[in-house]
Amino acid sequence: MSFIKKIKAVLLTLTVASTSAQATLIFSEDFTGGSASLLNSVNVKWSDSSGGGFEVYSAGGAGARGMKGTYDHDGDSSTAQIALPAGIEVNDDQGNELLTAQFTLNTMIQADELAQLSFWGGVRRNNASGASVEIYNVSQDISISGLLTPTLGSGDWIFNQFSFASTAASVGDLLEIRWQGGGTNSANGQEIAMVDFSTVTNPQATAVPEPTSIAIFGLGLLGLLANTRRKKQ
């Protein structure tokens, strides 16, 4: 490798290292296992306020609920949308139903990390008034996220992502994700798909060199290497 290429490689490594963030997945559900997988789940306890079971559907069943069977995975209207793995209707039996997923936190959330909840959301028949989502620490009886208002597409699936401080959670705590369906009856309300709950590095808690600082460091490194090269010659 030439001398210049070596310098470029070092600067590229420094730039990537300064902008990367680590994520740890804690909980994930794409609903492809159907209602039975939620009922029989070992690690996650799913329940709803009606007690009438769960209304999980595949991409083919989305149309009956006024939703598309595809979603815009890359935010680019010029590329084809891809098939929805599966979804779940929060209001399966009544209006403004509460759907919950309860699990034990099995990993330490560090002081320099944020909790992050993401999912795709939609609304059936243009009515999900009062819909919300929340992460609650059942063990400590405190809300971690506060009450959040999701962005829900009418017919279209919209990506939602919420990040928040997670200091009110310890390993072994029982956490619960709570979706309030909103709406007035089982023919409307919040629809959700592809849920992930993870921790990510808090950018405000991590000292990241600015591009100028990286450039100055790189120039200093260039001079040091050049000097070393002259001595060898």
Protein backbone atom coordinates (compact mmCIF):
# COMPACT_ATOMS: atom_id res chain seq x y z
CA MET A 1 0.00 0.00 0.00
CA SER A 2 1.37 3.45 -0.95
CA PHE A 3 2.14 6.09 1.66
CA ILE A 4 -0.84 8.26 0.60
CA LYS A 5 -3.21 5.30 0.64
CA LYS A 6 -2.10 4.47 4.16
CA ILE A 7 -2.95 8.01 5.28
CA LYS A 8 -6.35 7.85 3.59
CA ALA A 9 -7.11 4.53 5.26
CA VAL A 10 -6.22 5.92 8.70
CA LEU A 11 -8.38 9.03 8.20
CA LEU A 12 -11.31 6.94 6.96
CA THR A 13 -11.06 4.70 10.01
CA LEU A 14 -11.04 7.71 12.31
CA THR A 15 -14.09 9.23 10.59
CA VAL A 16 -16.14 6.04 10.72
CA ALA A 17 -15.20 5.41 14.35
CA SER A 18 -16.28 8.93 15.30
CA THR A 19 -19.75 8.63 13.77
CA SER A 20 -20.75 5.03 14.47
CA ALA A 21 -23.22 4.08 17.20
CA GLN A 22 -23.76 0.69 18.76
CA ALA A 23 -27.18 -0.85 19.27
CA THR A 24 -28.29 -3.81 21.37
CA LEU A 25 -31.59 -5.47 20.50
CA ILE A 26 -33.65 -6.37 23.59
CA PHE A 27 -37.04 -7.28 22.19
CA SER A 28 -38.39 -7.86 18.66
CA GLU A 29 -41.65 -9.08 17.13
CA ASP A 30 -42.71 -9.20 13.47
CA PHE A 31 -45.98 -11.14 14.09
CA THR A 32 -45.22 -13.68 11.36
CA GLY A 33 -45.96 -16.52 13.79
CA GLY A 34 -49.61 -15.48 14.00
CA SER A 35 -51.81 -15.20 17.07
CA ALA A 36 -50.70 -18.61 18.35
CA SER A 37 -47.09 -17.47 18.69
CA LEU A 38 -48.16 -14.58 20.91
CA LEU A 39 -50.31 -16.83 23.09
CA ASN A 40 -47.53 -19.42 23.43
CA SER A 41 -44.59 -17.03 23.74
CA VAL A 42 -42.20 -18.01 26.53
CA ASN A 43 -40.17 -14.81 26.84
CA VAL A 44 -42.91 -12.24 26.23
CA LYS A 45 -46.38 -12.13 27.76
CA TRP A 46 -48.88 -10.61 25.34
CA SER A 47 -52.32 -9.53 26.50
CA ASP A 48 -55.13 -7.14 25.65
CA SER A 49 -57.80 -5.43 27.69
CA SER A 50 -60.69 -7.25 26.02
CA GLY A 51 -59.29 -10.71 26.73
CA GLY A 52 -60.61 -11.89 23.39
CA GLY A 53 -57.34 -13.00 21.84
CA PHE A 54 -55.29 -11.29 19.13
CA GLU A 55 -56.05 -10.27 15.57
CA VAL A 56 -52.79 -10.91 13.73
CA TYR A 57 -52.85 -10.84 9.93
CA SER A 58 -50.51 -11.37 6.98
CA ALA A 59 -49.93 -8.94 4.10
CA GLY A 60 -52.92 -10.48 2.34
CA GLY A 61 -55.21 -9.56 5.23
CA ALA A 62 -54.14 -5.92 5.41
CA GLY A 63 -56.61 -4.76 2.76
CA ALA A 64 -59.60 -5.90 4.81
CA ARG A 65 -58.43 -3.50 7.52
CA GLY A 66 -57.96 -0.58 5.18
CA MET A 67 -54.16 -0.97 5.18
CA LYS A 68 -51.67 -1.67 2.40
CA GLY A 69 -49.99 -5.06 2.25
CA THR A 70 -46.69 -3.33 1.45
CA TYR A 71 -44.56 -0.66 3.09
CA ASP A 72 -41.92 1.87 2.01
CA HIS A 73 -38.80 0.28 3.49
CA ASP A 74 -36.27 2.86 2.30
CA GLY A 75 -38.16 6.17 2.11
CA ASP A 76 -37.57 6.30 -1.65
CA SER A 77 -40.72 6.61 -3.75
CA SER A 78 -38.81 5.54 -6.86
CA THR A 79 -38.13 2.06 -5.51
CA ALA A 80 -40.72 -0.69 -5.14
CA GLN A 81 -42.34 -1.21 -1.77
CA ILE A 82 -41.92 -4.62 -0.16
CA ALA A 83 -44.46 -6.99 1.35
CA LEU A 84 -45.46 -6.47 4.97
CA PRO A 85 -44.38 -9.50 7.04
CA ALA A 86 -47.50 -9.28 9.22
CA GLY A 87 -49.42 -6.86 11.42
CA ILE A 88 -51.73 -6.77 14.41
CA GLU A 89 -54.92 -4.83 15.04
CA VAL A 90 -54.93 -3.27 18.51
CA ASN A 91 -58.72 -2.86 18.59
CA ASP A 92 -59.56 -6.48 17.86
CA ASP A 93 -62.80 -6.55 19.90
CA GLN A 94 -63.61 -3.01 21.03
CA GLY A 95 -62.67 0.64 20.70
CA ASN A 96 -59.59 2.12 22.37
CA GLU A 97 -58.31 -1.28 23.43
CA LEU A 98 -55.01 -1.73 25.30
CA LEU A 99 -52.46 -4.16 23.84
CA THR A 100 -49.41 -4.98 25.98
CA ALA A 101 -46.15 -6.91 25.61
CA GLN A 102 -44.45 -7.70 28.93
CA PHE A 103 -40.88 -8.99 29.24
CA THR A 104 -37.95 -9.10 31.65
CA LEU A 105 -35.04 -6.77 30.96
CA ASN A 106 -32.05 -9.10 30.64
CA THR A 107 -29.32 -6.63 29.76
CA MET A 108 -27.80 -3.65 31.53
CA ILE A 109 -28.74 -0.25 30.09
CA GLN A 110 -25.62 1.86 30.50
CA ALA A 111 -25.56 5.50 31.57
CA ASP A 112 -24.42 6.56 28.08
CA GLU A 113 -27.25 4.69 26.34
CA LEU A 114 -30.80 5.50 25.34
CA ALA A 115 -33.71 3.09 25.06
CA GLN A 116 -35.23 3.05 21.59
CA LEU A 117 -38.64 1.77 20.49
CA SER A 118 -39.46 1.44 16.80
CA PHE A 119 -42.43 0.05 14.92
CA TRP A 120 -44.55 0.63 11.84
CA GLY A 121 -47.97 2.11 12.49
CA GLY A 122 -51.20 2.67 10.64
CA VAL A 123 -54.80 3.69 11.30
CA ARG A 124 -57.92 1.87 10.20
CA ARG A 125 -60.72 3.96 8.68
CA ASN A 126 -59.12 7.31 9.53
CA ASN A 127 -59.97 7.04 13.20
CA ALA A 128 -57.38 6.36 15.87
CA SER A 129 -58.12 9.35 18.08
CA GLY A 130 -56.46 8.85 21.46
CA ALA A 131 -53.94 6.28 20.19
CA SER A 132 -50.68 6.15 22.16
CA VAL A 133 -47.71 3.99 23.09
CA GLU A 134 -45.67 3.81 26.31
CA ILE A 135 -42.82 1.82 27.88
CA TYR A 136 -43.66 1.12 31.52
CA ASN A 137 -41.45 -0.35 34.25
CA VAL A 138 -43.86 -2.63 36.09
CA SER A 139 -41.30 -3.57 38.75
CA GLN A 140 -40.64 0.04 39.73
CA ASP A 141 -44.15 1.29 38.88
CA ILE A 142 -42.87 4.13 36.72
CA SER A 143 -43.11 5.14 33.07
CA ILE A 144 -39.76 5.05 31.28
CA SER A 145 -40.85 6.79 28.11
CA GLY A 146 -43.84 8.86 29.16
CA LEU A 147 -46.97 8.74 27.01
CA LEU A 148 -45.99 8.91 23.33
CA THR A 149 -48.16 9.80 20.35
CA PRO A 150 -47.39 7.65 17.31
CA THR A 151 -47.56 8.84 13.72
CA LEU A 152 -50.08 6.61 11.98
CA GLY A 153 -50.70 6.45 8.25
CA SER A 154 -54.21 6.17 6.88
CA GLY A 155 -53.79 3.07 4.75
CA ASP A 156 -50.01 3.55 4.58
CA TRP A 157 -47.53 2.17 7.09
CA ILE A 158 -45.47 4.89 8.80
CA PHE A 159 -42.17 4.20 10.58
CA ASN A 160 -42.13 5.35 14.22
CA GLN A 161 -39.00 5.59 16.34
CA PHE A 162 -38.76 6.98 19.88
CA SER A 163 -35.56 7.37 21.92
CA PHE A 164 -35.53 8.26 25.60
CA ALA A 165 -33.39 8.09 28.74
CA SER A 166 -33.72 4.70 30.42
CA THR A 167 -32.16 5.23 33.82
CA ALA A 168 -35.36 4.03 35.52
CA ALA A 169 -34.69 0.41 34.52
CA SER A 170 -32.38 -2.27 35.90
CA VAL A 171 -31.53 -5.82 34.89
CA GLY A 172 -34.34 -8.12 36.02
CA ASP A 173 -37.04 -5.44 35.89
CA LEU A 174 -40.35 -6.33 34.26
CA LEU A 175 -41.01 -3.92 31.37
CA GLU A 176 -44.22 -3.50 29.42
CA ILE A 177 -44.89 -1.91 26.04
CA ARG A 178 -48.41 -0.48 26.00
CA TRP A 179 -50.29 0.40 22.81
CA GLN A 180 -53.60 2.21 23.25
CA GLY A 181 -55.72 1.62 20.15
CA GLY A 182 -57.70 4.85 20.13
CA GLY A 183 -60.78 5.01 17.95
CA THR A 184 -64.34 4.14 18.87
CA ASN A 185 -64.82 0.47 17.99
CA SER A 186 -63.16 -2.65 16.58
CA ALA A 187 -63.56 -1.39 13.01
CA ASN A 188 -61.07 1.44 13.51
CA GLY A 189 -57.99 2.34 15.59
CA GLN A 190 -54.25 1.73 15.66
CA GLU A 191 -52.50 -0.99 13.62
CA ILE A 192 -48.88 -1.97 14.32
CA ALA A 193 -46.18 -4.08 12.69
CA MET A 194 -42.47 -4.95 13.05
CA VAL A 195 -41.71 -3.92 16.63
CA ASP A 196 -38.15 -3.49 17.97
CA PHE A 197 -36.99 -2.36 21.42
CA SER A 198 -33.27 -1.79 21.83
CA THR A 199 -30.60 0.37 23.42
CA VAL A 200 -28.42 2.76 21.43
CA THR A 201 -25.46 4.93 22.27
CA ASN A 202 -26.53 8.38 23.44
CA PRO A 203 -24.74 10.82 21.08
CA GLN A 204 -24.87 13.56 23.72
CA ALA A 205 -23.05 11.35 26.23
CA THR A 206 -20.31 10.29 23.84
CA ALA A 207 -17.52 12.70 22.99
CA VAL A 208 -17.34 12.69 19.20
CA PRO A 209 -14.52 14.66 17.52
CA GLU A 210 -15.76 17.27 15.07
CA PRO A 211 -14.62 16.93 11.43
CA THR A 212 -12.14 19.82 11.93
CA SER A 213 -10.58 18.06 14.92
CA ILE A 214 -10.26 14.86 12.91
CA ALA A 215 -8.61 16.77 10.06
CA ILE A 216 -6.09 18.41 12.40
CA PHE A 217 -5.29 15.08 14.00
CA GLY A 218 -4.89 13.54 10.54
CA LEU A 219 -2.48 16.28 9.45
CA GLY A 220 -0.42 15.75 12.58
CA LEU A 221 -0.36 12.03 11.90
CA LEU A 222 0.66 12.73 8.30
CA GLY A 223 3.61 14.81 9.49
CA LEU A 224 4.65 12.15 11.98
CA LEU A 225 4.58 9.41 9.38
CA ALA A 226 6.42 11.57 6.87
CA ASN A 227 9.14 12.28 9.38
CA THR A 228 9.44 8.58 10.18
CA ARG A 229 9.67 7.79 6.49
CA ARG A 230 12.51 10.31 5.95
CA LYS A 231 14.49 8.81 8.82
CA LYS A 232 14.18 5.33 7.31
CA GLN A 233 15.45 6.65 3.96
